[in-house]
């Protein structure tokens, strides 16, 4: 039976939804179990709540490695728009997650780097802009060696996984499958 993933990820109970996201992301590093929900999660990229958009960005990045059907090709332009999301925290989460996307899908690195370099960050407050710029630099440091074929640096970056901003214990319903 297919789970109602959208309902769970958009729950008004943010602790529950964050814990559910943590579970999906953690499991997605080792299994493609959640890849079947790719379109459902992608539909949340334009959700009005930034927390929901953050969840979608992380889940999609974690599942990019399983994308043998090239579904990411269809959503990459929408994903990249979040580099300049209206909420600076979501922009930061997107930029960080793009490193994982690029490592899983090296063919997308040129488009990712181009989007990072052409991003207009002038709308962000002076307190946030340097943080986003630093995140961009870190993501570029991870992706450029892969793009130029530096095997040693690419291997070092291959285990990269962005840190989720909040790690909460899983609700009881997640403890047993």
N, C-alpha and C. Protein backbone atom coordinates (compact mmCIF):
# COMPACT_ATOMS: atom_id res chain seq x y z
N UNK A 1 0.85 -1.19 0.00
CA UNK A 1 0.00 0.00 0.00
C UNK A 1 0.89 1.25 0.00
N UNK A 2 0.61 2.13 -0.91
CA UNK A 2 1.39 3.35 -1.05
C UNK A 2 1.00 4.35 0.04
N UNK A 3 2.02 4.91 0.68
CA UNK A 3 1.77 5.89 1.75
C UNK A 3 1.31 7.22 1.17
N UNK A 4 0.56 7.97 1.96
CA UNK A 4 0.20 9.32 1.56
C UNK A 4 1.32 10.25 2.03
N UNK A 5 2.37 10.27 1.25
CA UNK A 5 3.58 10.99 1.63
C UNK A 5 3.35 12.50 1.68
N UNK A 6 2.56 13.02 0.76
CA UNK A 6 2.30 14.47 0.74
C UNK A 6 1.61 14.90 2.02
N UNK A 7 0.63 14.14 2.44
CA UNK A 7 -0.09 14.47 3.68
C UNK A 7 0.86 14.47 4.87
N UNK A 8 1.75 13.49 4.93
CA UNK A 8 2.68 13.39 6.05
C UNK A 8 3.72 14.50 6.03
N UNK A 9 4.19 14.85 4.85
CA UNK A 9 5.22 15.90 4.74
C UNK A 9 4.66 17.30 4.93
N UNK A 10 3.36 17.44 4.79
CA UNK A 10 2.73 18.75 4.96
C UNK A 10 1.91 18.83 6.24
N UNK A 11 2.09 17.86 7.10
CA UNK A 11 1.35 17.82 8.37
C UNK A 11 1.55 19.12 9.14
N UNK A 12 0.50 19.53 9.83
CA UNK A 12 0.59 20.73 10.67
C UNK A 12 1.50 20.49 11.87
N UNK A 13 1.71 19.24 12.19
CA UNK A 13 2.64 18.85 13.26
C UNK A 13 4.04 18.83 12.67
N UNK A 14 4.75 19.95 12.79
CA UNK A 14 6.07 20.07 12.16
C UNK A 14 7.09 19.08 12.71
N UNK A 15 6.99 18.74 13.99
CA UNK A 15 7.92 17.75 14.56
C UNK A 15 7.72 16.40 13.88
N UNK A 16 6.49 16.04 13.68
CA UNK A 16 6.16 14.78 13.00
C UNK A 16 6.70 14.82 11.57
N UNK A 17 6.40 15.89 10.84
CA UNK A 17 6.80 15.99 9.44
C UNK A 17 8.33 16.01 9.30
N UNK A 18 9.01 16.69 10.21
CA UNK A 18 10.48 16.72 10.18
C UNK A 18 11.06 15.35 10.48
N UNK A 19 10.49 14.66 11.44
CA UNK A 19 10.96 13.31 11.77
C UNK A 19 10.72 12.36 10.59
N UNK A 20 9.59 12.52 9.94
CA UNK A 20 9.28 11.69 8.77
C UNK A 20 10.29 11.98 7.66
N UNK A 21 10.61 13.24 7.47
CA UNK A 21 11.61 13.62 6.46
C UNK A 21 12.96 13.01 6.81
N UNK A 22 13.37 13.12 8.07
CA UNK A 22 14.65 12.53 8.50
C UNK A 22 14.68 11.04 8.17
N UNK A 23 13.59 10.37 8.44
CA UNK A 23 13.52 8.93 8.15
C UNK A 23 13.71 8.67 6.66
N UNK A 24 12.98 9.40 5.83
CA UNK A 24 13.07 9.19 4.39
C UNK A 24 14.49 9.45 3.90
N UNK A 25 15.06 10.55 4.33
CA UNK A 25 16.42 10.91 3.89
C UNK A 25 17.42 9.85 4.34
N UNK A 26 17.35 9.43 5.58
CA UNK A 26 18.28 8.43 6.09
C UNK A 26 18.14 7.11 5.32
N UNK A 27 16.93 6.67 5.11
CA UNK A 27 16.72 5.42 4.39
C UNK A 27 17.09 5.54 2.92
N UNK A 28 16.93 6.71 2.36
CA UNK A 28 17.21 6.91 0.93
C UNK A 28 18.70 6.84 0.61
N UNK A 29 19.55 6.98 1.61
CA UNK A 29 20.98 6.84 1.35
C UNK A 29 21.34 5.40 1.02
N UNK A 30 20.53 4.45 1.51
CA UNK A 30 20.87 3.04 1.36
C UNK A 30 19.90 2.25 0.49
N UNK A 31 18.74 2.80 0.23
CA UNK A 31 17.73 2.05 -0.52
C UNK A 31 16.91 2.99 -1.39
N UNK A 32 16.36 2.44 -2.47
CA UNK A 32 15.51 3.23 -3.36
C UNK A 32 14.03 3.12 -3.00
N UNK A 33 13.76 2.67 -1.79
CA UNK A 33 12.38 2.46 -1.32
C UNK A 33 11.50 3.70 -1.51
N UNK A 34 12.05 4.88 -1.34
CA UNK A 34 11.26 6.12 -1.40
C UNK A 34 11.24 6.75 -2.78
N UNK A 35 12.01 6.20 -3.71
CA UNK A 35 12.08 6.77 -5.06
C UNK A 35 10.72 6.73 -5.76
N UNK A 36 9.89 5.75 -5.44
CA UNK A 36 8.57 5.65 -6.08
C UNK A 36 7.70 6.88 -5.80
N UNK A 37 8.06 7.65 -4.79
CA UNK A 37 7.30 8.85 -4.42
C UNK A 37 7.90 10.13 -5.02
N UNK A 38 8.79 9.96 -5.94
CA UNK A 38 9.53 11.10 -6.49
C UNK A 38 8.60 12.23 -6.96
N UNK A 39 7.61 11.91 -7.77
CA UNK A 39 6.71 12.94 -8.29
C UNK A 39 5.90 13.60 -7.18
N UNK A 40 5.48 12.78 -6.21
CA UNK A 40 4.72 13.33 -5.08
C UNK A 40 5.56 14.36 -4.32
N UNK A 41 6.81 14.00 -4.06
CA UNK A 41 7.70 14.92 -3.34
C UNK A 41 8.00 16.14 -4.21
N UNK A 42 8.25 15.93 -5.49
CA UNK A 42 8.55 17.05 -6.39
C UNK A 42 7.40 18.05 -6.44
N UNK A 43 6.19 17.57 -6.26
CA UNK A 43 5.03 18.48 -6.28
C UNK A 43 5.07 19.48 -5.13
N UNK A 44 5.89 19.20 -4.12
CA UNK A 44 5.98 20.08 -2.96
C UNK A 44 7.02 21.19 -3.13
N UNK A 45 7.75 21.20 -4.23
CA UNK A 45 8.77 22.24 -4.43
C UNK A 45 8.17 23.65 -4.46
N UNK A 46 6.91 23.74 -4.83
CA UNK A 46 6.27 25.06 -4.89
C UNK A 46 5.26 25.26 -3.76
N UNK A 47 5.39 24.49 -2.70
CA UNK A 47 4.47 24.62 -1.56
C UNK A 47 4.63 26.00 -0.92
N UNK A 48 3.55 26.58 -0.41
CA UNK A 48 3.66 27.91 0.22
C UNK A 48 4.51 27.95 1.48
N UNK A 49 4.61 26.83 2.21
CA UNK A 49 5.42 26.80 3.44
C UNK A 49 6.86 26.45 3.10
N UNK A 50 7.78 27.29 3.55
CA UNK A 50 9.19 27.05 3.25
C UNK A 50 9.70 25.76 3.90
N UNK A 51 9.19 25.41 5.07
CA UNK A 51 9.62 24.16 5.71
C UNK A 51 9.28 22.96 4.84
N UNK A 52 8.16 22.99 4.19
CA UNK A 52 7.77 21.89 3.30
C UNK A 52 8.68 21.88 2.08
N UNK A 53 8.99 23.04 1.54
CA UNK A 53 9.92 23.10 0.41
C UNK A 53 11.28 22.53 0.80
N UNK A 54 11.75 22.88 2.01
CA UNK A 54 13.02 22.34 2.51
C UNK A 54 12.99 20.82 2.54
N UNK A 55 11.91 20.27 3.05
CA UNK A 55 11.78 18.82 3.13
C UNK A 55 11.87 18.20 1.74
N UNK A 56 11.16 18.79 0.80
CA UNK A 56 11.17 18.26 -0.57
C UNK A 56 12.57 18.33 -1.17
N UNK A 57 13.27 19.44 -0.96
CA UNK A 57 14.62 19.58 -1.50
C UNK A 57 15.54 18.48 -0.98
N UNK A 58 15.49 18.22 0.31
CA UNK A 58 16.35 17.20 0.90
C UNK A 58 15.98 15.79 0.44
N UNK A 59 14.72 15.49 0.39
CA UNK A 59 14.29 14.15 -0.03
C UNK A 59 14.66 13.91 -1.49
N UNK A 60 14.43 14.89 -2.33
CA UNK A 60 14.77 14.73 -3.74
C UNK A 60 16.28 14.56 -3.93
N UNK A 61 17.07 15.33 -3.19
CA UNK A 61 18.53 15.20 -3.28
C UNK A 61 18.97 13.81 -2.84
N UNK A 62 18.39 13.30 -1.77
CA UNK A 62 18.76 11.97 -1.27
C UNK A 62 18.37 10.87 -2.25
N UNK A 63 17.36 11.12 -3.06
CA UNK A 63 16.91 10.11 -4.01
C UNK A 63 17.48 10.30 -5.41
N UNK A 64 18.26 11.33 -5.61
CA UNK A 64 18.86 11.56 -6.94
C UNK A 64 19.74 10.38 -7.37
N UNK A 65 20.36 9.73 -6.42
CA UNK A 65 21.23 8.60 -6.74
C UNK A 65 20.47 7.41 -7.33
N UNK A 66 19.18 7.34 -7.12
CA UNK A 66 18.37 6.22 -7.61
C UNK A 66 17.65 6.57 -8.91
N UNK A 67 17.93 7.72 -9.47
CA UNK A 67 17.17 8.23 -10.62
C UNK A 67 17.63 7.65 -11.96
N UNK A 68 17.40 6.39 -12.15
CA UNK A 68 17.74 5.75 -13.43
C UNK A 68 16.75 6.10 -14.52
N UNK A 69 15.58 6.59 -14.14
CA UNK A 69 14.54 6.98 -15.10
C UNK A 69 14.68 8.44 -15.53
N UNK A 70 15.66 9.14 -14.99
CA UNK A 70 15.93 10.54 -15.32
C UNK A 70 14.74 11.46 -15.03
N UNK A 71 14.04 11.18 -13.97
CA UNK A 71 12.94 12.06 -13.56
C UNK A 71 13.47 13.41 -13.11
N UNK A 72 14.70 13.42 -12.60
CA UNK A 72 15.27 14.68 -12.12
C UNK A 72 15.43 15.69 -13.26
N UNK A 73 15.60 15.19 -14.48
CA UNK A 73 15.72 16.09 -15.63
C UNK A 73 14.51 17.02 -15.72
N UNK A 74 13.35 16.49 -15.40
CA UNK A 74 12.11 17.27 -15.51
C UNK A 74 11.96 18.32 -14.42
N UNK A 75 12.56 18.07 -13.27
CA UNK A 75 12.36 19.00 -12.15
C UNK A 75 13.57 19.89 -11.89
N UNK A 76 14.70 19.61 -12.53
CA UNK A 76 15.91 20.37 -12.23
C UNK A 76 15.71 21.89 -12.35
N UNK A 77 15.08 22.38 -13.40
CA UNK A 77 14.87 23.85 -13.45
C UNK A 77 14.09 24.39 -12.25
N UNK A 78 13.06 23.67 -11.83
CA UNK A 78 12.29 24.11 -10.65
C UNK A 78 13.13 24.00 -9.39
N UNK A 79 13.93 22.95 -9.29
CA UNK A 79 14.80 22.76 -8.13
C UNK A 79 15.79 23.92 -8.03
N UNK A 80 16.40 24.26 -9.15
CA UNK A 80 17.41 25.32 -9.17
C UNK A 80 16.84 26.70 -8.83
N UNK A 81 15.56 26.90 -9.07
CA UNK A 81 14.92 28.19 -8.72
C UNK A 81 15.03 28.48 -7.22
N UNK A 82 15.15 27.42 -6.44
CA UNK A 82 15.20 27.60 -4.98
C UNK A 82 16.56 28.09 -4.50
N UNK A 83 17.52 28.20 -5.39
CA UNK A 83 18.80 28.84 -5.03
C UNK A 83 18.52 30.27 -4.58
N UNK A 84 17.50 30.86 -5.16
CA UNK A 84 17.09 32.22 -4.79
C UNK A 84 15.65 32.21 -4.25
N UNK A 85 15.34 31.23 -3.46
CA UNK A 85 14.01 31.13 -2.84
C UNK A 85 13.71 32.42 -2.07
N UNK A 86 12.43 32.72 -1.93
CA UNK A 86 12.05 33.92 -1.18
C UNK A 86 12.55 33.88 0.26
N UNK A 87 12.68 32.67 0.80
CA UNK A 87 13.18 32.50 2.17
C UNK A 87 14.67 32.14 2.11
N UNK A 88 15.51 32.93 2.73
CA UNK A 88 16.95 32.66 2.65
C UNK A 88 17.36 31.31 3.23
N UNK A 89 16.65 30.83 4.23
CA UNK A 89 16.98 29.53 4.80
C UNK A 89 16.74 28.43 3.76
N UNK A 90 15.66 28.54 3.01
CA UNK A 90 15.38 27.56 1.96
C UNK A 90 16.42 27.67 0.85
N UNK A 91 16.84 28.87 0.53
CA UNK A 91 17.91 29.03 -0.47
C UNK A 91 19.17 28.30 0.01
N UNK A 92 19.51 28.47 1.26
CA UNK A 92 20.70 27.81 1.82
C UNK A 92 20.56 26.29 1.77
N UNK A 93 19.39 25.79 2.13
CA UNK A 93 19.17 24.34 2.11
C UNK A 93 19.28 23.80 0.69
N UNK A 94 18.75 24.54 -0.26
CA UNK A 94 18.84 24.14 -1.66
C UNK A 94 20.30 24.07 -2.11
N UNK A 95 21.04 25.11 -1.85
CA UNK A 95 22.44 25.17 -2.26
C UNK A 95 23.23 24.00 -1.67
N UNK A 96 23.00 23.72 -0.41
CA UNK A 96 23.71 22.61 0.24
C UNK A 96 23.31 21.27 -0.38
N UNK A 97 22.03 21.09 -0.65
CA UNK A 97 21.54 19.83 -1.21
C UNK A 97 22.02 19.63 -2.65
N UNK A 98 22.31 20.71 -3.35
CA UNK A 98 22.77 20.60 -4.74
C UNK A 98 24.10 19.86 -4.85
N UNK A 99 24.91 19.90 -3.81
CA UNK A 99 26.15 19.12 -3.84
C UNK A 99 25.82 17.64 -3.96
N UNK A 100 24.86 17.19 -3.19
CA UNK A 100 24.46 15.78 -3.24
C UNK A 100 23.84 15.44 -4.59
N UNK A 101 23.05 16.34 -5.14
CA UNK A 101 22.45 16.11 -6.46
C UNK A 101 23.55 15.97 -7.51
N UNK A 102 24.50 16.89 -7.49
CA UNK A 102 25.57 16.85 -8.48
C UNK A 102 26.44 15.61 -8.37
N UNK A 103 26.70 15.16 -7.15
CA UNK A 103 27.50 13.94 -6.98
C UNK A 103 26.75 12.73 -7.52
N UNK A 104 25.44 12.72 -7.35
CA UNK A 104 24.64 11.60 -7.84
C UNK A 104 24.40 11.69 -9.34
N UNK A 105 24.39 12.92 -9.86
CA UNK A 105 24.08 13.15 -11.28
C UNK A 105 25.11 14.11 -11.87
N UNK A 106 26.32 13.62 -12.11
CA UNK A 106 27.39 14.49 -12.62
C UNK A 106 27.03 15.22 -13.92
N UNK A 107 26.15 14.65 -14.70
CA UNK A 107 25.73 15.30 -15.94
C UNK A 107 25.02 16.63 -15.68
N UNK A 108 24.55 16.84 -14.45
CA UNK A 108 23.85 18.08 -14.10
C UNK A 108 24.78 19.15 -13.52
N UNK A 109 26.02 18.80 -13.28
CA UNK A 109 26.94 19.74 -12.65
C UNK A 109 27.09 21.05 -13.44
N UNK A 110 27.25 21.02 -14.77
CA UNK A 110 27.36 22.31 -15.48
C UNK A 110 26.15 23.22 -15.26
N UNK A 111 24.96 22.64 -15.29
CA UNK A 111 23.75 23.44 -15.08
C UNK A 111 23.68 23.95 -13.64
N UNK A 112 24.09 23.12 -12.69
CA UNK A 112 24.08 23.53 -11.28
C UNK A 112 25.08 24.67 -11.06
N UNK A 113 26.30 24.51 -11.56
CA UNK A 113 27.32 25.55 -11.39
C UNK A 113 26.90 26.85 -12.07
N UNK A 114 26.31 26.74 -13.23
CA UNK A 114 25.84 27.94 -13.93
C UNK A 114 24.76 28.66 -13.12
N UNK A 115 23.84 27.90 -12.56
CA UNK A 115 22.77 28.50 -11.75
C UNK A 115 23.34 29.15 -10.49
N UNK A 116 24.31 28.50 -9.87
CA UNK A 116 24.93 29.08 -8.67
C UNK A 116 25.63 30.38 -9.00
N UNK A 117 26.36 30.39 -10.09
CA UNK A 117 27.16 31.57 -10.45
C UNK A 117 26.31 32.73 -10.97
N UNK A 118 25.14 32.43 -11.49
CA UNK A 118 24.30 33.51 -12.01
C UNK A 118 23.22 33.95 -11.03
N UNK A 119 23.19 33.36 -9.86
CA UNK A 119 22.16 33.69 -8.87
C UNK A 119 22.31 35.13 -8.37
N UNK A 120 21.22 35.85 -8.39
CA UNK A 120 21.20 37.22 -7.87
C UNK A 120 20.75 37.18 -6.42
N UNK A 121 21.67 37.43 -5.53
CA UNK A 121 21.39 37.37 -4.10
C UNK A 121 21.10 38.74 -3.49
N UNK A 122 20.93 39.75 -4.31
CA UNK A 122 20.76 41.11 -3.81
C UNK A 122 19.50 41.30 -2.98
N UNK A 123 18.52 40.43 -3.12
CA UNK A 123 17.28 40.59 -2.35
C UNK A 123 17.41 40.17 -0.89
N UNK A 124 18.50 39.49 -0.57
CA UNK A 124 18.68 39.02 0.80
C UNK A 124 19.35 40.07 1.66
N UNK A 125 19.01 40.06 2.94
CA UNK A 125 19.62 40.98 3.89
C UNK A 125 21.12 40.73 3.98
N UNK A 126 21.83 41.78 4.35
CA UNK A 126 23.28 41.68 4.48
C UNK A 126 23.71 40.60 5.48
N UNK A 127 22.84 40.29 6.42
CA UNK A 127 23.18 39.26 7.40
C UNK A 127 23.11 37.84 6.80
N UNK A 128 22.28 37.65 5.78
CA UNK A 128 22.10 36.32 5.18
C UNK A 128 22.93 36.11 3.92
N UNK A 129 23.12 37.16 3.15
CA UNK A 129 23.81 37.03 1.86
C UNK A 129 25.18 36.36 1.99
N UNK A 130 26.03 36.75 2.94
CA UNK A 130 27.33 36.08 3.05
C UNK A 130 27.23 34.59 3.39
N UNK A 131 26.20 34.22 4.13
CA UNK A 131 26.01 32.82 4.46
C UNK A 131 25.65 32.00 3.22
N UNK A 132 24.77 32.55 2.40
CA UNK A 132 24.40 31.87 1.15
C UNK A 132 25.61 31.79 0.23
N UNK A 133 26.37 32.88 0.14
CA UNK A 133 27.58 32.87 -0.70
C UNK A 133 28.58 31.82 -0.23
N UNK A 134 28.73 31.69 1.08
CA UNK A 134 29.64 30.67 1.61
C UNK A 134 29.15 29.27 1.27
N UNK A 135 27.84 29.05 1.39
CA UNK A 135 27.26 27.76 1.02
C UNK A 135 27.52 27.46 -0.46
N UNK A 136 27.39 28.48 -1.29
CA UNK A 136 27.64 28.30 -2.72
C UNK A 136 29.10 27.90 -2.98
N UNK A 137 30.01 28.57 -2.29
CA UNK A 137 31.43 28.24 -2.43
C UNK A 137 31.70 26.80 -2.01
N UNK A 138 31.10 26.37 -0.92
CA UNK A 138 31.30 25.01 -0.44
C UNK A 138 30.75 23.98 -1.43
N UNK A 139 29.59 24.27 -1.99
CA UNK A 139 29.00 23.36 -2.98
C UNK A 139 29.87 23.32 -4.23
N UNK A 140 30.38 24.46 -4.66
CA UNK A 140 31.27 24.47 -5.82
C UNK A 140 32.55 23.68 -5.55
N UNK A 141 33.09 23.80 -4.34
CA UNK A 141 34.31 23.05 -3.99
C UNK A 141 34.08 21.55 -4.08
N UNK A 142 32.88 21.12 -3.82
CA UNK A 142 32.55 19.70 -3.90
C UNK A 142 32.35 19.28 -5.36
N UNK A 143 31.67 20.11 -6.14
CA UNK A 143 31.28 19.71 -7.49
C UNK A 143 32.34 19.92 -8.56
N UNK A 144 33.14 20.95 -8.44
CA UNK A 144 34.12 21.24 -9.50
C UNK A 144 35.10 20.10 -9.71
N UNK A 145 35.67 19.50 -8.67
CA UNK A 145 36.58 18.37 -8.92
C UNK A 145 35.91 17.22 -9.68
N UNK A 146 34.65 16.97 -9.40
CA UNK A 146 33.93 15.92 -10.11
C UNK A 146 33.78 16.32 -11.58
N UNK A 147 33.46 17.57 -11.80
CA UNK A 147 33.25 18.07 -13.16
C UNK A 147 34.53 18.04 -13.99
N UNK A 148 35.65 18.40 -13.39
CA UNK A 148 36.91 18.43 -14.15
C UNK A 148 37.63 17.09 -14.14
N UNK A 149 37.07 16.12 -13.42
CA UNK A 149 37.64 14.79 -13.46
C UNK A 149 38.77 14.54 -12.48
N UNK A 150 38.83 15.29 -11.41
CA UNK A 150 39.84 15.07 -10.37
C UNK A 150 39.35 13.89 -9.52
N UNK A 151 39.81 12.70 -9.88
CA UNK A 151 39.30 11.47 -9.27
C UNK A 151 39.51 11.44 -7.76
N UNK A 152 40.67 11.87 -7.29
CA UNK A 152 40.96 11.83 -5.86
C UNK A 152 40.00 12.74 -5.07
N UNK A 153 39.82 13.97 -5.55
CA UNK A 153 38.91 14.90 -4.87
C UNK A 153 37.46 14.44 -5.00
N UNK A 154 37.12 13.88 -6.15
CA UNK A 154 35.75 13.40 -6.34
C UNK A 154 35.45 12.25 -5.39
N UNK A 155 36.43 11.36 -5.20
CA UNK A 155 36.23 10.25 -4.28
C UNK A 155 36.04 10.76 -2.85
N UNK A 156 36.80 11.76 -2.47
CA UNK A 156 36.67 12.34 -1.13
C UNK A 156 35.29 12.96 -0.94
N UNK A 157 34.75 13.54 -1.99
CA UNK A 157 33.44 14.19 -1.91
C UNK A 157 32.29 13.21 -2.04
N UNK A 158 32.56 12.00 -2.50
CA UNK A 158 31.47 11.08 -2.83
C UNK A 158 30.60 10.71 -1.63
N UNK A 159 31.12 10.80 -0.44
CA UNK A 159 30.32 10.48 0.74
C UNK A 159 29.57 11.67 1.30
N UNK A 160 29.60 12.79 0.59
CA UNK A 160 28.96 14.01 1.09
C UNK A 160 27.46 13.82 1.24
N UNK A 161 26.96 14.22 2.38
CA UNK A 161 25.52 14.25 2.64
C UNK A 161 25.24 15.52 3.43
N UNK A 162 24.38 16.39 2.92
CA UNK A 162 24.10 17.62 3.66
C UNK A 162 23.44 17.33 4.99
N UNK A 163 23.75 18.14 5.96
CA UNK A 163 23.16 18.00 7.28
C UNK A 163 21.76 18.62 7.27
N UNK A 164 20.81 17.87 7.77
CA UNK A 164 19.49 18.44 7.96
C UNK A 164 19.58 19.40 9.14
N UNK A 165 18.87 20.50 9.08
CA UNK A 165 18.99 21.49 10.14
C UNK A 165 18.45 21.03 11.49
N UNK A 166 17.49 20.13 11.49
CA UNK A 166 16.89 19.67 12.73
C UNK A 166 16.81 18.16 12.70
N UNK A 167 17.30 17.51 13.73
CA UNK A 167 17.18 16.06 13.84
C UNK A 167 16.37 15.75 15.08
N UNK A 168 15.22 15.20 14.87
CA UNK A 168 14.33 14.89 15.98
C UNK A 168 14.14 13.38 16.06
N UNK A 169 13.83 12.87 17.23
CA UNK A 169 13.56 11.43 17.31
C UNK A 169 12.34 11.09 16.47
N UNK A 170 12.37 9.92 15.90
CA UNK A 170 11.24 9.48 15.08
C UNK A 170 10.04 9.19 15.96
N UNK A 171 8.86 9.59 15.50
CA UNK A 171 7.66 9.20 16.24
C UNK A 171 7.55 7.68 16.30
N UNK A 172 6.85 7.18 17.25
CA UNK A 172 6.74 5.73 17.46
C UNK A 172 6.33 4.98 16.20
N UNK A 173 5.46 5.56 15.42
CA UNK A 173 4.98 4.83 14.24
C UNK A 173 6.11 4.54 13.25
N UNK A 174 7.23 5.24 13.38
CA UNK A 174 8.34 5.03 12.46
C UNK A 174 9.29 3.96 12.97
N UNK A 175 9.16 3.57 14.22
CA UNK A 175 10.12 2.66 14.83
C UNK A 175 10.05 1.26 14.24
N UNK A 176 8.89 0.82 13.88
CA UNK A 176 8.74 -0.52 13.33
C UNK A 176 8.14 -0.41 11.93
N UNK A 177 8.68 -1.19 11.05
CA UNK A 177 8.13 -1.16 9.68
C UNK A 177 7.07 -2.21 9.51
